[in-house]
Amino acid sequence: MSKYLKNLITDYLREQLSEVNEALLVNVVGLDANANNRLRTELQSKDINLMAVKNSLAARATADTPLGTMFEGLTGTAAICWGSEDIVSLAKEVSRLAKEEQYDAFEARGGVMDGEPLTAAQVAEVSTWPNRSEQLSLLTGQILGPGSRLAAQIVGPGGVLAGQIAQQAEEPDE
């Protein structure tokens, strides 16, 4: 490959990955063309991008970026997977697809989260975490829980007292 062509590819990769801070490396070698096409279609439906890259060109394109550590010491072929709502959602989807029989060769090889490299085992661990929307619902529940409990404790005795007064008012005087 000529130097001019390498520079063009590097510039293209740099442009595509300029806004990406977290991504995963995946293996797509061994998938036949039909499975590869189905995989890409399924990922695109979840707003996830998949791009097969030459390691040396990707390392040059991502040098001095948060993704730069992802390519340190990488051997063999790899593809970059990025997108989705957050890195946890991305890891969940990649892990789910890797378990499907039709995508037998597809697997996570590592990645980058918050500028720190991830191993394949760490990607599997991240996929068990709650994603952004689940975190927000947990946080909302924790914020609203004490207030609703306090309101119930304040209203509860008053409701009991009001019920007793109403009962006494309804009873005929003896």
C-alpha atoms as a PDB file:
ATOM      1  CA  MET A   1       0.000   0.000   0.000  1.00  0.00           C
ATOM      2  CA  SER A   2       1.423   3.386  -0.951  1.00  0.00           C
ATOM      3  CA  LYS A   3       2.167   6.057   1.613  1.00  0.00           C
ATOM      4  CA  TYR A   4      -0.406   8.361   0.014  1.00  0.00           C
ATOM      5  CA  LEU A   5      -3.128   5.735   0.362  1.00  0.00           C
ATOM      6  CA  LYS A   6      -2.134   5.019   3.977  1.00  0.00           C
ATOM      7  CA  ASN A   7      -2.384   8.722   4.767  1.00  0.00           C
ATOM      8  CA  LEU A   8      -5.833   8.909   3.154  1.00  0.00           C
ATOM      9  CA  ILE A   9      -7.069   5.934   5.188  1.00  0.00           C
ATOM     10  CA  THR A  10      -5.545   7.334   8.384  1.00  0.00           C
ATOM     11  CA  ASP A  11      -7.243  10.698   7.801  1.00  0.00           C
ATOM     12  CA  TYR A  12     -10.561   8.964   7.136  1.00  0.00           C
ATOM     13  CA  LEU A  13     -10.254   6.915  10.347  1.00  0.00           C
ATOM     14  CA  ARG A  14      -9.283  10.011  12.335  1.00  0.00           C
ATOM     15  CA  GLU A  15     -12.353  11.822  11.006  1.00  0.00           C
ATOM     16  CA  GLN A  16     -14.707   8.892  11.729  1.00  0.00           C
ATOM     17  CA  LEU A  17     -13.382   8.388  15.268  1.00  0.00           C
ATOM     18  CA  SER A  18     -12.856  12.035  16.222  1.00  0.00           C
ATOM     19  CA  GLU A  19     -15.947  12.215  18.468  1.00  0.00           C
ATOM     20  CA  VAL A  20     -15.575   8.685  19.880  1.00  0.00           C
ATOM     21  CA  ASN A  21     -14.247   8.370  23.440  1.00  0.00           C
ATOM     22  CA  GLU A  22     -15.232   4.784  24.229  1.00  0.00           C
ATOM     23  CA  ALA A  23     -15.166   1.787  21.907  1.00  0.00           C
ATOM     24  CA  LEU A  24     -14.690  -1.958  21.801  1.00  0.00           C
ATOM     25  CA  LEU A  25     -12.423  -4.137  19.712  1.00  0.00           C
ATOM     26  CA  VAL A  26     -14.170  -7.173  18.281  1.00  0.00           C
ATOM     27  CA  ASN A  27     -13.215 -10.157  16.179  1.00  0.00           C
ATOM     28  CA  VAL A  28     -15.184 -10.691  12.968  1.00  0.00           C
ATOM     29  CA  VAL A  29     -12.735 -13.079  11.286  1.00  0.00           C
ATOM     30  CA  GLY A  30     -14.454 -16.376  10.560  1.00  0.00           C
ATOM     31  CA  LEU A  31     -17.903 -14.951   9.846  1.00  0.00           C
ATOM     32  CA  ASP A  32     -19.168 -15.733   6.383  1.00  0.00           C
ATOM     33  CA  ALA A  33     -20.469 -12.876   4.235  1.00  0.00           C
ATOM     34  CA  ASN A  34     -24.135 -13.474   5.063  1.00  0.00           C
ATOM     35  CA  ALA A  35     -23.531 -13.630   8.821  1.00  0.00           C
ATOM     36  CA  ASN A  36     -21.326 -10.529   8.616  1.00  0.00           C
ATOM     37  CA  ASN A  37     -24.069  -8.655   6.773  1.00  0.00           C
ATOM     38  CA  ARG A  38     -26.747  -9.751   9.285  1.00  0.00           C
ATOM     39  CA  LEU A  39     -24.453  -8.740  12.154  1.00  0.00           C
ATOM     40  CA  ARG A  40     -23.811  -5.285  10.714  1.00  0.00           C
ATOM     41  CA  THR A  41     -27.536  -4.773  10.054  1.00  0.00           C
ATOM     42  CA  GLU A  42     -28.422  -5.791  13.601  1.00  0.00           C
ATOM     43  CA  LEU A  43     -25.751  -3.484  15.039  1.00  0.00           C
ATOM     44  CA  GLN A  44     -26.884  -0.571  12.855  1.00  0.00           C
ATOM     45  CA  SER A  45     -30.445  -0.992  14.119  1.00  0.00           C
ATOM     46  CA  LYS A  46     -29.062  -0.313  17.632  1.00  0.00           C
ATOM     47  CA  ASP A  47     -27.064   2.724  16.387  1.00  0.00           C
ATOM     48  CA  ILE A  48     -23.770   0.826  16.706  1.00  0.00           C
ATOM     49  CA  ASN A  49     -21.005   1.192  14.123  1.00  0.00           C
ATOM     50  CA  LEU A  50     -18.608  -1.584  13.134  1.00  0.00           C
ATOM     51  CA  MET A  51     -15.473  -0.927  11.108  1.00  0.00           C
ATOM     52  CA  ALA A  52     -12.735  -3.379  10.234  1.00  0.00           C
ATOM     53  CA  VAL A  53      -9.362  -1.634  10.418  1.00  0.00           C
ATOM     54  CA  LYS A  54      -5.704  -2.260   9.863  1.00  0.00           C
ATOM     55  CA  ASN A  55      -4.147  -2.069  13.325  1.00  0.00           C
ATOM     56  CA  SER A  56      -1.180   0.093  12.390  1.00  0.00           C
ATOM     57  CA  LEU A  57      -3.333   2.635  10.552  1.00  0.00           C
ATOM     58  CA  ALA A  58      -5.907   2.732  13.349  1.00  0.00           C
ATOM     59  CA  ALA A  59      -3.126   3.203  15.914  1.00  0.00           C
ATOM     60  CA  ARG A  60      -1.786   6.157  13.895  1.00  0.00           C
ATOM     61  CA  ALA A  61      -5.269   7.640  13.522  1.00  0.00           C
ATOM     62  CA  THR A  62      -6.114   7.366  17.224  1.00  0.00           C
ATOM     63  CA  ALA A  63      -2.753   8.419  18.649  1.00  0.00           C
ATOM     64  CA  ASP A  64      -3.185  11.169  21.262  1.00  0.00           C
ATOM     65  CA  THR A  65      -6.917  10.430  21.574  1.00  0.00           C
ATOM     66  CA  PRO A  66      -8.837   8.528  24.256  1.00  0.00           C
ATOM     67  CA  LEU A  67      -8.877   5.506  21.909  1.00  0.00           C
ATOM     68  CA  GLY A  68      -5.099   5.431  21.520  1.00  0.00           C
ATOM     69  CA  THR A  69      -4.529   2.920  24.323  1.00  0.00           C
ATOM     70  CA  MET A  70      -6.835   0.413  22.638  1.00  0.00           C
ATOM     71  CA  PHE A  71      -4.278  -0.466  19.969  1.00  0.00           C
ATOM     72  CA  GLU A  72      -1.206  -0.810  22.186  1.00  0.00           C
ATOM     73  CA  GLY A  73       0.215  -4.310  21.761  1.00  0.00           C
ATOM     74  CA  LEU A  74      -2.692  -5.435  19.583  1.00  0.00           C
ATOM     75  CA  THR A  75      -1.937  -8.342  17.273  1.00  0.00           C
ATOM     76  CA  GLY A  76      -4.102  -9.984  14.670  1.00  0.00           C
ATOM     77  CA  THR A  77      -7.066  -8.543  12.885  1.00  0.00           C
ATOM     78  CA  ALA A  78      -9.625  -6.451  14.700  1.00  0.00           C
ATOM     79  CA  ALA A  79     -12.679  -4.331  14.119  1.00  0.00           C
ATOM     80  CA  ILE A  80     -13.777  -1.276  16.077  1.00  0.00           C
ATOM     81  CA  CYS A  81     -17.289  -1.149  17.491  1.00  0.00           C
ATOM     82  CA  TRP A  82     -18.660   2.140  18.828  1.00  0.00           C
ATOM     83  CA  GLY A  83     -21.960   3.910  19.330  1.00  0.00           C
ATOM     84  CA  SER A  84     -25.097   3.088  21.290  1.00  0.00           C
ATOM     85  CA  GLU A  85     -26.244   5.031  24.334  1.00  0.00           C
ATOM     86  CA  ASP A  86     -23.117   4.353  26.387  1.00  0.00           C
ATOM     87  CA  ILE A  87     -20.253   1.862  26.720  1.00  0.00           C
ATOM     88  CA  VAL A  88     -22.331  -0.418  28.968  1.00  0.00           C
ATOM     89  CA  SER A  89     -25.111  -0.699  26.369  1.00  0.00           C
ATOM     90  CA  LEU A  90     -22.482  -1.352  23.716  1.00  0.00           C
ATOM     91  CA  ALA A  91     -20.858  -4.084  25.809  1.00  0.00           C
ATOM     92  CA  LYS A  92     -24.268  -5.643  26.544  1.00  0.00           C
ATOM     93  CA  GLU A  93     -25.119  -5.802  22.842  1.00  0.00           C
ATOM     94  CA  VAL A  94     -21.720  -7.163  21.798  1.00  0.00           C
ATOM     95  CA  SER A  95     -21.846  -9.806  24.540  1.00  0.00           C
ATOM     96  CA  ARG A  96     -25.390 -10.781  23.588  1.00  0.00           C
ATOM     97  CA  LEU A  97     -24.497 -11.176  19.919  1.00  0.00           C
ATOM     98  CA  ALA A  98     -21.323 -13.091  20.741  1.00  0.00           C
ATOM     99  CA  LYS A  99     -23.452 -15.743  22.480  1.00  0.00           C
ATOM    100  CA  GLU A 100     -25.649 -16.306  19.421  1.00  0.00           C
ATOM    101  CA  GLU A 101     -24.823 -19.403  17.414  1.00  0.00           C
ATOM    102  CA  GLN A 102     -25.072 -17.680  14.029  1.00  0.00           C
ATOM    103  CA  TYR A 103     -22.279 -15.257  15.036  1.00  0.00           C
ATOM    104  CA  ASP A 104     -20.025 -17.931  16.509  1.00  0.00           C
ATOM    105  CA  ALA A 105     -16.728 -16.236  15.520  1.00  0.00           C
ATOM    106  CA  PHE A 106     -17.851 -12.793  16.748  1.00  0.00           C
ATOM    107  CA  GLU A 107     -16.336 -11.910  20.125  1.00  0.00           C
ATOM    108  CA  ALA A 108     -15.100  -8.949  22.134  1.00  0.00           C
ATOM    109  CA  ARG A 109     -11.319  -8.600  22.283  1.00  0.00           C
ATOM    110  CA  GLY A 110     -11.056  -5.526  24.483  1.00  0.00           C
ATOM    111  CA  GLY A 111     -11.708  -1.833  24.313  1.00  0.00           C
ATOM    112  CA  VAL A 112     -11.373   1.534  25.985  1.00  0.00           C
ATOM    113  CA  MET A 113     -13.555   3.049  28.701  1.00  0.00           C
ATOM    114  CA  ASP A 114     -12.751   6.441  30.232  1.00  0.00           C
ATOM    115  CA  GLY A 115      -9.334   6.374  28.549  1.00  0.00           C
ATOM    116  CA  GLU A 116      -8.389   3.068  30.218  1.00  0.00           C
ATOM    117  CA  PRO A 117      -7.890  -0.111  28.193  1.00  0.00           C
ATOM    118  CA  LEU A 118     -10.251  -3.034  28.764  1.00  0.00           C
ATOM    119  CA  THR A 119      -9.557  -6.737  28.341  1.00  0.00           C
ATOM    120  CA  ALA A 120     -12.119  -9.162  26.938  1.00  0.00           C
ATOM    121  CA  ALA A 121     -12.930 -10.319  30.486  1.00  0.00           C
ATOM    122  CA  GLN A 122     -13.492  -6.720  31.591  1.00  0.00           C
ATOM    123  CA  VAL A 123     -15.836  -6.145  28.639  1.00  0.00           C
ATOM    124  CA  ALA A 124     -17.881  -9.157  29.809  1.00  0.00           C
ATOM    125  CA  GLU A 125     -17.938  -7.694  33.316  1.00  0.00           C
ATOM    126  CA  VAL A 126     -19.014  -4.242  32.055  1.00  0.00           C
ATOM    127  CA  SER A 127     -21.871  -5.891  30.146  1.00  0.00           C
ATOM    128  CA  THR A 128     -23.408  -6.943  33.498  1.00  0.00           C
ATOM    129  CA  TRP A 129     -23.531  -3.361  34.814  1.00  0.00           C
ATOM    130  CA  PRO A 130     -26.728  -1.281  34.585  1.00  0.00           C
ATOM    131  CA  ASN A 131     -26.746   0.988  31.534  1.00  0.00           C
ATOM    132  CA  ARG A 132     -27.408   4.735  31.600  1.00  0.00           C
ATOM    133  CA  SER A 133     -31.213   4.563  31.619  1.00  0.00           C
ATOM    134  CA  GLU A 134     -31.176   1.868  34.322  1.00  0.00           C
ATOM    135  CA  GLN A 135     -28.787   4.007  36.400  1.00  0.00           C
ATOM    136  CA  LEU A 136     -31.083   7.024  36.043  1.00  0.00           C
ATOM    137  CA  SER A 137     -34.123   5.025  37.149  1.00  0.00           C
ATOM    138  CA  LEU A 138     -32.210   3.692  40.176  1.00  0.00           C
ATOM    139  CA  LEU A 139     -31.104   7.202  41.075  1.00  0.00           C
ATOM    140  CA  THR A 140     -34.636   8.571  40.695  1.00  0.00           C
ATOM    141  CA  GLY A 141     -35.949   5.831  42.973  1.00  0.00           C
ATOM    142  CA  GLN A 142     -33.302   6.603  45.564  1.00  0.00           C
ATOM    143  CA  ILE A 143     -34.078  10.307  45.448  1.00  0.00           C
ATOM    144  CA  LEU A 144     -37.864   9.897  45.626  1.00  0.00           C
ATOM    145  CA  GLY A 145     -37.905   6.974  48.091  1.00  0.00           C
ATOM    146  CA  PRO A 146     -37.198   8.831  51.353  1.00  0.00           C
ATOM    147  CA  GLY A 147     -39.623  11.642  50.470  1.00  0.00           C
ATOM    148  CA  SER A 148     -42.488   9.273  49.710  1.00  0.00           C
ATOM    149  CA  ARG A 149     -41.731   7.261  52.851  1.00  0.00           C
ATOM    150  CA  LEU A 150     -41.756  10.474  54.943  1.00  0.00           C
ATOM    151  CA  ALA A 151     -45.031  11.606  53.360  1.00  0.00           C
ATOM    152  CA  ALA A 152     -46.601   8.229  54.123  1.00  0.00           C
ATOM    153  CA  GLN A 153     -45.424   8.425  57.723  1.00  0.00           C
ATOM    154  CA  ILE A 154     -46.858  11.918  58.118  1.00  0.00           C
ATOM    155  CA  VAL A 155     -50.190  11.139  56.431  1.00  0.00           C
ATOM    156  CA  GLY A 156     -50.584   7.653  57.958  1.00  0.00           C
ATOM    157  CA  PRO A 157     -51.348   8.591  61.606  1.00  0.00           C
ATOM    158  CA  GLY A 158     -53.532  11.500  60.492  1.00  0.00           C
ATOM    159  CA  GLY A 159     -55.556   9.136  58.298  1.00  0.00           C
ATOM    160  CA  VAL A 160     -55.983   6.693  61.160  1.00  0.00           C
ATOM    161  CA  LEU A 161     -57.087   9.498  63.501  1.00  0.00           C
ATOM    162  CA  ALA A 162     -59.515  10.861  60.883  1.00  0.00           C
ATOM    163  CA  GLY A 163     -60.966   7.381  60.448  1.00  0.00           C
ATOM    164  CA  GLN A 164     -61.480   6.982  64.198  1.00  0.00           C
ATOM    165  CA  ILE A 165     -63.146  10.416  64.455  1.00  0.00           C
ATOM    166  CA  ALA A 166     -65.446   9.583  61.532  1.00  0.00           C
ATOM    167  CA  GLN A 167     -66.344   6.279  63.164  1.00  0.00           C
ATOM    168  CA  GLN A 168     -67.126   7.994  66.441  1.00  0.00           C
ATOM    169  CA  ALA A 169     -69.244  10.590  64.637  1.00  0.00           C
ATOM    170  CA  GLU A 170     -71.311   7.894  62.928  1.00  0.00           C
ATOM    171  CA  GLU A 171     -72.039   5.919  66.115  1.00  0.00           C
ATOM    172  CA  PRO A 172     -75.292   6.870  67.802  1.00  0.00           C
ATOM    173  CA  ASP A 173     -74.992   8.395  71.252  1.00  0.00           C
ATOM    174  CA  GLU A 174     -75.981   6.068  74.005  1.00  0.00           C
END
